């Protein structure tokens, strides 16, 4: 983990920004981005980066969330409460010595 973080463009990053993205856009898209950046007092790059990072976090959060009905959740919890099923292959696996050397 980096030892020095700076809050830049709506997210924490290491002090040196090395990544680069290039993309083309229509004139009306560029005008909209420039106007929005000016309204918020940010550079166009800063505005685009902050909005893109914020949206990326939202997308990742939605992708990692599972929504179920109350009934499905109760059924899931009930299944977890059932006794574990003995799987012979796993029993054999756990009896084998570890291939990972102790730390």
C-alpha atoms as a PDB file:
ATOM      1  CA  UNK A   1       0.000   0.000   0.000  1.00  0.00           C
ATOM      2  CA  UNK A   2       1.366   3.452  -0.859  1.00  0.00           C
ATOM      3  CA  UNK A   3       2.682   5.404   2.081  1.00  0.00           C
ATOM      4  CA  UNK A   4       1.683   8.817   0.759  1.00  0.00           C
ATOM      5  CA  UNK A   5      -1.806   9.538  -0.548  1.00  0.00           C
ATOM      6  CA  UNK A   6      -3.221  12.778  -1.893  1.00  0.00           C
ATOM      7  CA  UNK A   7      -6.875  13.650  -2.478  1.00  0.00           C
ATOM      8  CA  UNK A   8      -7.049  14.499  -6.180  1.00  0.00           C
ATOM      9  CA  UNK A   9     -10.061  14.720  -8.480  1.00  0.00           C
ATOM     10  CA  UNK A  10     -12.469  13.218  -5.977  1.00  0.00           C
ATOM     11  CA  UNK A  11     -10.375  10.191  -5.033  1.00  0.00           C
ATOM     12  CA  UNK A  12      -7.246   9.316  -3.065  1.00  0.00           C
ATOM     13  CA  UNK A  13      -4.210   8.513  -5.183  1.00  0.00           C
ATOM     14  CA  UNK A  14      -0.484   8.183  -4.879  1.00  0.00           C
ATOM     15  CA  UNK A  15       1.361  11.422  -5.462  1.00  0.00           C
ATOM     16  CA  UNK A  16       2.462  10.484  -8.966  1.00  0.00           C
ATOM     17  CA  UNK A  17      -0.296  10.012 -11.507  1.00  0.00           C
ATOM     18  CA  UNK A  18       1.007   7.676 -14.188  1.00  0.00           C
ATOM     19  CA  UNK A  19      -2.120   6.263 -15.842  1.00  0.00           C
ATOM     20  CA  UNK A  20      -3.420   7.805 -19.016  1.00  0.00           C
ATOM     21  CA  UNK A  21      -6.677   7.510 -20.950  1.00  0.00           C
ATOM     22  CA  UNK A  22      -7.309   9.052 -24.356  1.00  0.00           C
ATOM     23  CA  UNK A  23     -10.673   9.187 -26.075  1.00  0.00           C
ATOM     24  CA  UNK A  24     -12.440  11.051 -28.830  1.00  0.00           C
ATOM     25  CA  UNK A  25     -15.738  12.832 -28.379  1.00  0.00           C
ATOM     26  CA  UNK A  26     -18.261  14.794 -30.380  1.00  0.00           C
ATOM     27  CA  UNK A  27     -18.102  18.609 -30.266  1.00  0.00           C
ATOM     28  CA  UNK A  28     -21.340  18.841 -28.259  1.00  0.00           C
ATOM     29  CA  UNK A  29     -19.970  16.347 -25.715  1.00  0.00           C
ATOM     30  CA  UNK A  30     -16.779  18.379 -25.354  1.00  0.00           C
ATOM     31  CA  UNK A  31     -18.781  21.614 -24.922  1.00  0.00           C
ATOM     32  CA  UNK A  32     -20.910  20.015 -22.214  1.00  0.00           C
ATOM     33  CA  UNK A  33     -17.845  18.740 -20.343  1.00  0.00           C
ATOM     34  CA  UNK A  34     -16.064  22.099 -20.586  1.00  0.00           C
ATOM     35  CA  UNK A  35     -19.143  23.977 -19.347  1.00  0.00           C
ATOM     36  CA  UNK A  36     -19.732  21.588 -16.466  1.00  0.00           C
ATOM     37  CA  UNK A  37     -16.063  21.752 -15.479  1.00  0.00           C
ATOM     38  CA  UNK A  38     -16.172  25.548 -15.516  1.00  0.00           C
ATOM     39  CA  UNK A  39     -19.335  25.586 -13.377  1.00  0.00           C
ATOM     40  CA  UNK A  40     -17.671  23.360 -10.773  1.00  0.00           C
ATOM     41  CA  UNK A  41     -14.383  25.250 -10.891  1.00  0.00           C
ATOM     42  CA  UNK A  42     -12.424  22.215 -12.036  1.00  0.00           C
ATOM     43  CA  UNK A  43     -10.211  21.571 -14.994  1.00  0.00           C
ATOM     44  CA  UNK A  44     -11.806  19.464 -17.719  1.00  0.00           C
ATOM     45  CA  UNK A  45      -9.459  16.593 -16.869  1.00  0.00           C
ATOM     46  CA  UNK A  46     -10.253  16.892 -13.170  1.00  0.00           C
ATOM     47  CA  UNK A  47     -13.981  17.051 -13.823  1.00  0.00           C
ATOM     48  CA  UNK A  48     -14.004  14.051 -16.172  1.00  0.00           C
ATOM     49  CA  UNK A  49     -11.790  12.015 -13.851  1.00  0.00           C
ATOM     50  CA  UNK A  50     -13.837  12.774 -10.718  1.00  0.00           C
ATOM     51  CA  UNK A  51     -17.141  11.927 -12.416  1.00  0.00           C
ATOM     52  CA  UNK A  52     -15.728   8.807 -14.092  1.00  0.00           C
ATOM     53  CA  UNK A  53     -14.215   7.509 -10.834  1.00  0.00           C
ATOM     54  CA  UNK A  54     -17.434   8.217  -8.918  1.00  0.00           C
ATOM     55  CA  UNK A  55     -19.492   6.378 -11.549  1.00  0.00           C
ATOM     56  CA  UNK A  56     -17.006   3.482 -11.618  1.00  0.00           C
ATOM     57  CA  UNK A  57     -17.370   3.045  -7.850  1.00  0.00           C
ATOM     58  CA  UNK A  58     -21.175   3.057  -8.181  1.00  0.00           C
ATOM     59  CA  UNK A  59     -21.044   0.440 -10.962  1.00  0.00           C
ATOM     60  CA  UNK A  60     -18.707  -1.790  -8.925  1.00  0.00           C
ATOM     61  CA  UNK A  61     -20.915  -1.438  -5.844  1.00  0.00           C
ATOM     62  CA  UNK A  62     -24.025  -2.460  -7.818  1.00  0.00           C
ATOM     63  CA  UNK A  63     -22.131  -5.381  -9.390  1.00  0.00           C
ATOM     64  CA  UNK A  64     -21.176  -6.663  -5.932  1.00  0.00           C
ATOM     65  CA  UNK A  65     -24.664  -6.363  -4.436  1.00  0.00           C
ATOM     66  CA  UNK A  66     -27.219  -9.149  -4.463  1.00  0.00           C
ATOM     67  CA  UNK A  67     -30.862  -8.241  -3.941  1.00  0.00           C
ATOM     68  CA  UNK A  68     -33.300 -10.983  -2.968  1.00  0.00           C
ATOM     69  CA  UNK A  69     -36.867 -11.123  -1.747  1.00  0.00           C
ATOM     70  CA  UNK A  70     -37.600 -11.639   1.954  1.00  0.00           C
ATOM     71  CA  UNK A  71     -38.724 -15.180   1.172  1.00  0.00           C
ATOM     72  CA  UNK A  72     -35.532 -15.985  -0.766  1.00  0.00           C
ATOM     73  CA  UNK A  73     -33.429 -14.590   2.076  1.00  0.00           C
ATOM     74  CA  UNK A  74     -35.268 -16.693   4.670  1.00  0.00           C
ATOM     75  CA  UNK A  75     -34.790 -19.792   2.483  1.00  0.00           C
ATOM     76  CA  UNK A  76     -31.085 -18.972   2.116  1.00  0.00           C
ATOM     77  CA  UNK A  77     -30.608 -18.560   5.880  1.00  0.00           C
ATOM     78  CA  UNK A  78     -32.522 -21.791   6.519  1.00  0.00           C
ATOM     79  CA  UNK A  79     -30.230 -23.638   4.086  1.00  0.00           C
ATOM     80  CA  UNK A  80     -27.196 -22.260   5.929  1.00  0.00           C
ATOM     81  CA  UNK A  81     -28.608 -23.539   9.202  1.00  0.00           C
ATOM     82  CA  UNK A  82     -28.878 -27.099   7.863  1.00  0.00           C
ATOM     83  CA  UNK A  83     -26.113 -29.537   8.877  1.00  0.00           C
ATOM     84  CA  UNK A  84     -23.122 -29.527   6.553  1.00  0.00           C
ATOM     85  CA  UNK A  85     -23.042 -32.174   3.861  1.00  0.00           C
ATOM     86  CA  UNK A  86     -20.017 -34.470   3.985  1.00  0.00           C
ATOM     87  CA  UNK A  87     -18.120 -34.297   0.689  1.00  0.00           C
ATOM     88  CA  UNK A  88     -15.638 -37.210   0.425  1.00  0.00           C
ATOM     89  CA  UNK A  89     -13.306 -35.369  -1.952  1.00  0.00           C
ATOM     90  CA  UNK A  90     -12.998 -32.459   0.505  1.00  0.00           C
ATOM     91  CA  UNK A  91     -12.397 -34.840   3.414  1.00  0.00           C
ATOM     92  CA  UNK A  92      -9.492 -36.405   1.476  1.00  0.00           C
ATOM     93  CA  UNK A  93      -8.148 -32.982   0.508  1.00  0.00           C
ATOM     94  CA  UNK A  94      -8.054 -31.722   4.089  1.00  0.00           C
ATOM     95  CA  UNK A  95      -6.247 -34.856   5.257  1.00  0.00           C
ATOM     96  CA  UNK A  96      -3.362 -34.183   2.862  1.00  0.00           C
ATOM     97  CA  UNK A  97      -0.353 -32.198   4.088  1.00  0.00           C
ATOM     98  CA  UNK A  98      -0.313 -28.587   2.988  1.00  0.00           C
ATOM     99  CA  UNK A  99       1.877 -27.601   0.040  1.00  0.00           C
ATOM    100  CA  UNK A 100       2.227 -24.131   1.486  1.00  0.00           C
ATOM    101  CA  UNK A 101       5.286 -23.867   3.708  1.00  0.00           C
ATOM    102  CA  UNK A 102       4.706 -22.362   7.156  1.00  0.00           C
ATOM    103  CA  UNK A 103       5.547 -18.675   7.447  1.00  0.00           C
END
